[in-house]
N, C-alpha and C. Protein backbone atom coordinates (compact mmCIF):
# COMPACT_ATOMS: atom_id res chain seq x y z
N MET A 1 5.40 -5.30 -6.29
CA MET A 1 5.11 -6.05 -7.47
C MET A 1 5.63 -7.37 -7.23
N ARG A 2 6.59 -7.65 -6.51
CA ARG A 2 6.96 -9.07 -6.31
C ARG A 2 6.04 -9.81 -5.43
N SER A 3 5.49 -9.13 -4.47
CA SER A 3 4.58 -9.76 -3.55
C SER A 3 3.30 -10.13 -4.27
N VAL A 4 2.78 -9.33 -5.23
CA VAL A 4 1.61 -9.65 -5.93
C VAL A 4 2.00 -10.84 -6.88
N THR A 5 3.05 -10.90 -7.64
CA THR A 5 3.49 -11.87 -8.46
C THR A 5 3.62 -13.20 -7.75
N ALA A 6 4.17 -13.21 -6.55
CA ALA A 6 4.37 -14.35 -5.61
C ALA A 6 3.07 -14.97 -5.14
N HIS A 7 2.03 -14.00 -4.82
CA HIS A 7 0.78 -14.36 -4.36
C HIS A 7 0.03 -15.04 -5.48
N PHE A 8 0.09 -14.56 -6.67
CA PHE A 8 -0.54 -15.07 -7.71
C PHE A 8 0.00 -16.50 -8.09
N ALA A 9 1.23 -16.66 -7.94
CA ALA A 9 1.85 -17.94 -8.18
C ALA A 9 1.47 -19.01 -7.14
N LYS A 10 1.28 -18.49 -5.91
CA LYS A 10 0.90 -19.54 -4.91
C LYS A 10 -0.54 -19.95 -4.98
N THR A 11 -1.32 -19.24 -5.55
CA THR A 11 -2.69 -19.68 -5.78
C THR A 11 -2.94 -20.95 -6.59
N GLY A 12 -1.92 -21.24 -7.50
CA GLY A 12 -2.13 -22.37 -8.23
C GLY A 12 -3.12 -22.20 -9.47
N ASP A 13 -3.61 -20.91 -9.68
CA ASP A 13 -4.53 -20.62 -10.69
C ASP A 13 -3.75 -20.14 -11.90
N ALA A 14 -3.94 -21.15 -12.97
CA ALA A 14 -3.27 -20.71 -14.20
C ALA A 14 -3.54 -19.33 -14.82
N GLU A 15 -4.76 -18.98 -14.63
CA GLU A 15 -5.13 -17.62 -15.28
C GLU A 15 -4.48 -16.48 -14.50
N LEU A 16 -4.35 -16.61 -13.20
CA LEU A 16 -3.63 -15.61 -12.41
C LEU A 16 -2.21 -15.49 -12.79
N ARG A 17 -1.57 -16.68 -12.92
CA ARG A 17 -0.08 -16.77 -13.41
C ARG A 17 0.13 -16.07 -14.64
N ARG A 18 -0.78 -15.97 -15.62
CA ARG A 18 -0.58 -15.45 -17.00
C ARG A 18 -0.62 -13.92 -16.98
N ILE A 19 -1.25 -13.32 -15.81
CA ILE A 19 -1.41 -11.82 -15.84
C ILE A 19 -0.13 -11.10 -15.73
N ASP A 20 0.03 -10.15 -16.58
CA ASP A 20 1.26 -9.32 -16.49
C ASP A 20 1.03 -8.36 -15.28
N VAL A 21 1.70 -8.69 -14.19
CA VAL A 21 1.49 -7.92 -13.01
C VAL A 21 2.08 -6.47 -13.08
N LYS A 22 3.14 -6.30 -13.79
CA LYS A 22 3.69 -5.00 -13.84
C LYS A 22 2.75 -4.03 -14.70
N ALA A 23 2.17 -4.56 -15.83
CA ALA A 23 1.10 -3.85 -16.70
C ALA A 23 0.01 -3.56 -15.78
N MET A 24 -0.46 -4.63 -14.96
CA MET A 24 -1.77 -4.39 -14.32
C MET A 24 -1.54 -3.40 -13.16
N LEU A 25 -0.55 -3.44 -12.57
CA LEU A 25 -0.23 -2.33 -11.44
C LEU A 25 -0.01 -0.96 -12.02
N GLY A 26 0.59 -0.97 -13.10
CA GLY A 26 0.82 0.41 -13.87
C GLY A 26 -0.58 0.99 -14.35
N ALA A 27 -1.34 0.11 -14.79
CA ALA A 27 -2.77 0.58 -15.30
C ALA A 27 -3.56 1.03 -14.05
N ALA A 28 -3.43 0.38 -12.94
CA ALA A 28 -4.03 0.78 -11.68
C ALA A 28 -3.58 2.12 -11.19
N GLU A 29 -2.34 2.35 -11.31
CA GLU A 29 -1.78 3.59 -10.89
C GLU A 29 -2.14 4.81 -11.78
N LYS A 30 -2.15 4.52 -13.10
CA LYS A 30 -2.65 5.61 -13.95
C LYS A 30 -4.14 5.86 -13.87
N GLY A 31 -5.02 5.06 -13.14
CA GLY A 31 -6.34 5.27 -13.07
C GLY A 31 -6.57 6.39 -11.99
N PHE A 32 -5.65 6.77 -11.18
CA PHE A 32 -5.77 7.85 -10.19
C PHE A 32 -5.14 9.12 -10.60
N PRO A 33 -5.64 10.17 -10.18
CA PRO A 33 -5.07 11.51 -10.42
C PRO A 33 -3.72 11.61 -9.73
N THR A 34 -2.86 12.42 -10.37
CA THR A 34 -1.35 12.41 -9.88
C THR A 34 -1.29 12.88 -8.38
N TRP A 35 -2.19 13.67 -7.91
CA TRP A 35 -2.20 14.22 -6.51
C TRP A 35 -2.53 13.17 -5.44
N VAL A 36 -3.17 12.11 -5.73
CA VAL A 36 -3.83 11.10 -4.93
C VAL A 36 -2.67 10.37 -4.04
N MET A 37 -1.73 9.91 -4.75
CA MET A 37 -0.65 9.10 -4.00
C MET A 37 0.19 9.93 -3.01
N PRO A 38 0.68 11.07 -3.49
CA PRO A 38 1.46 11.96 -2.46
C PRO A 38 0.55 12.33 -1.23
N CYS A 39 -0.71 12.71 -1.66
CA CYS A 39 -1.72 13.13 -0.57
C CYS A 39 -1.92 11.98 0.57
N LEU A 40 -2.24 10.79 0.00
CA LEU A 40 -2.58 9.64 0.80
C LEU A 40 -1.26 9.29 1.65
N GLN A 41 -0.01 9.48 0.94
CA GLN A 41 1.10 9.07 1.61
C GLN A 41 1.39 10.01 2.76
N ASN A 42 1.23 11.31 2.58
CA ASN A 42 1.27 12.38 3.56
C ASN A 42 0.29 12.15 4.71
N LEU A 43 -0.89 11.84 4.50
CA LEU A 43 -1.90 11.65 5.38
C LEU A 43 -1.62 10.43 6.17
N ARG A 44 -1.15 9.31 5.62
CA ARG A 44 -0.70 8.16 6.37
C ARG A 44 0.41 8.50 7.31
N HIS A 45 1.41 9.21 6.82
CA HIS A 45 2.44 9.57 7.75
C HIS A 45 2.10 10.47 8.86
N GLY A 46 1.04 11.34 8.60
CA GLY A 46 0.60 12.25 9.71
C GLY A 46 -0.15 11.40 10.71
N ILE A 47 -0.86 10.41 10.32
CA ILE A 47 -1.71 9.68 11.19
C ILE A 47 -0.82 8.82 12.18
N VAL A 48 0.11 8.22 11.52
CA VAL A 48 1.13 7.39 12.22
C VAL A 48 2.02 8.26 13.23
N PHE A 49 2.41 9.27 12.76
CA PHE A 49 3.13 10.37 13.69
C PHE A 49 2.22 10.75 14.89
N ALA A 50 0.97 11.12 14.63
CA ALA A 50 0.09 11.57 15.63
C ALA A 50 -0.18 10.32 16.59
N GLY A 51 -0.45 9.28 16.11
CA GLY A 51 -0.66 8.07 16.90
C GLY A 51 0.46 7.67 17.87
N SER A 52 1.74 7.91 17.31
CA SER A 52 2.95 7.61 18.08
C SER A 52 3.15 8.52 19.25
N VAL A 53 2.86 9.89 18.99
CA VAL A 53 2.96 11.00 19.84
C VAL A 53 1.83 10.69 20.91
N ALA A 54 0.75 10.18 20.55
CA ALA A 54 -0.48 9.94 21.56
C ALA A 54 -0.02 8.77 22.48
N VAL A 55 0.58 7.72 21.95
CA VAL A 55 0.98 6.70 22.66
C VAL A 55 2.09 6.99 23.71
N LEU A 56 3.06 7.79 23.18
CA LEU A 56 4.05 8.17 24.07
C LEU A 56 3.53 9.02 25.28
N ALA A 57 2.54 9.87 24.95
CA ALA A 57 2.00 10.73 25.94
C ALA A 57 1.18 9.91 26.96
N LEU A 58 0.50 8.90 26.42
CA LEU A 58 -0.14 8.07 27.49
C LEU A 58 0.75 7.16 28.36
N LEU A 59 1.88 6.68 27.71
CA LEU A 59 2.89 6.07 28.54
C LEU A 59 3.62 6.86 29.55
N ALA A 60 3.83 8.15 29.17
CA ALA A 60 4.47 9.08 30.02
C ALA A 60 3.54 9.54 31.20
N ALA A 61 2.29 9.46 30.94
CA ALA A 61 1.35 9.90 32.04
C ALA A 61 1.05 8.79 33.08
N HIS A 62 1.53 7.54 32.79
CA HIS A 62 1.45 6.52 33.81
C HIS A 62 2.66 6.38 34.60
């Protein structure tokens, strides 16, 4: 939330500075079903883990 607020402030756009970032992000979260975030988070962790294992295997092969 702080990064979005900081980015909006850096733009110099008065309209962006007036946006309630907490409310905006809360509304965006509520727009998704409850299972989406945990599912995407687990998928992301799985991809990162598999990629790390693949890199280690390739490094060990050389």
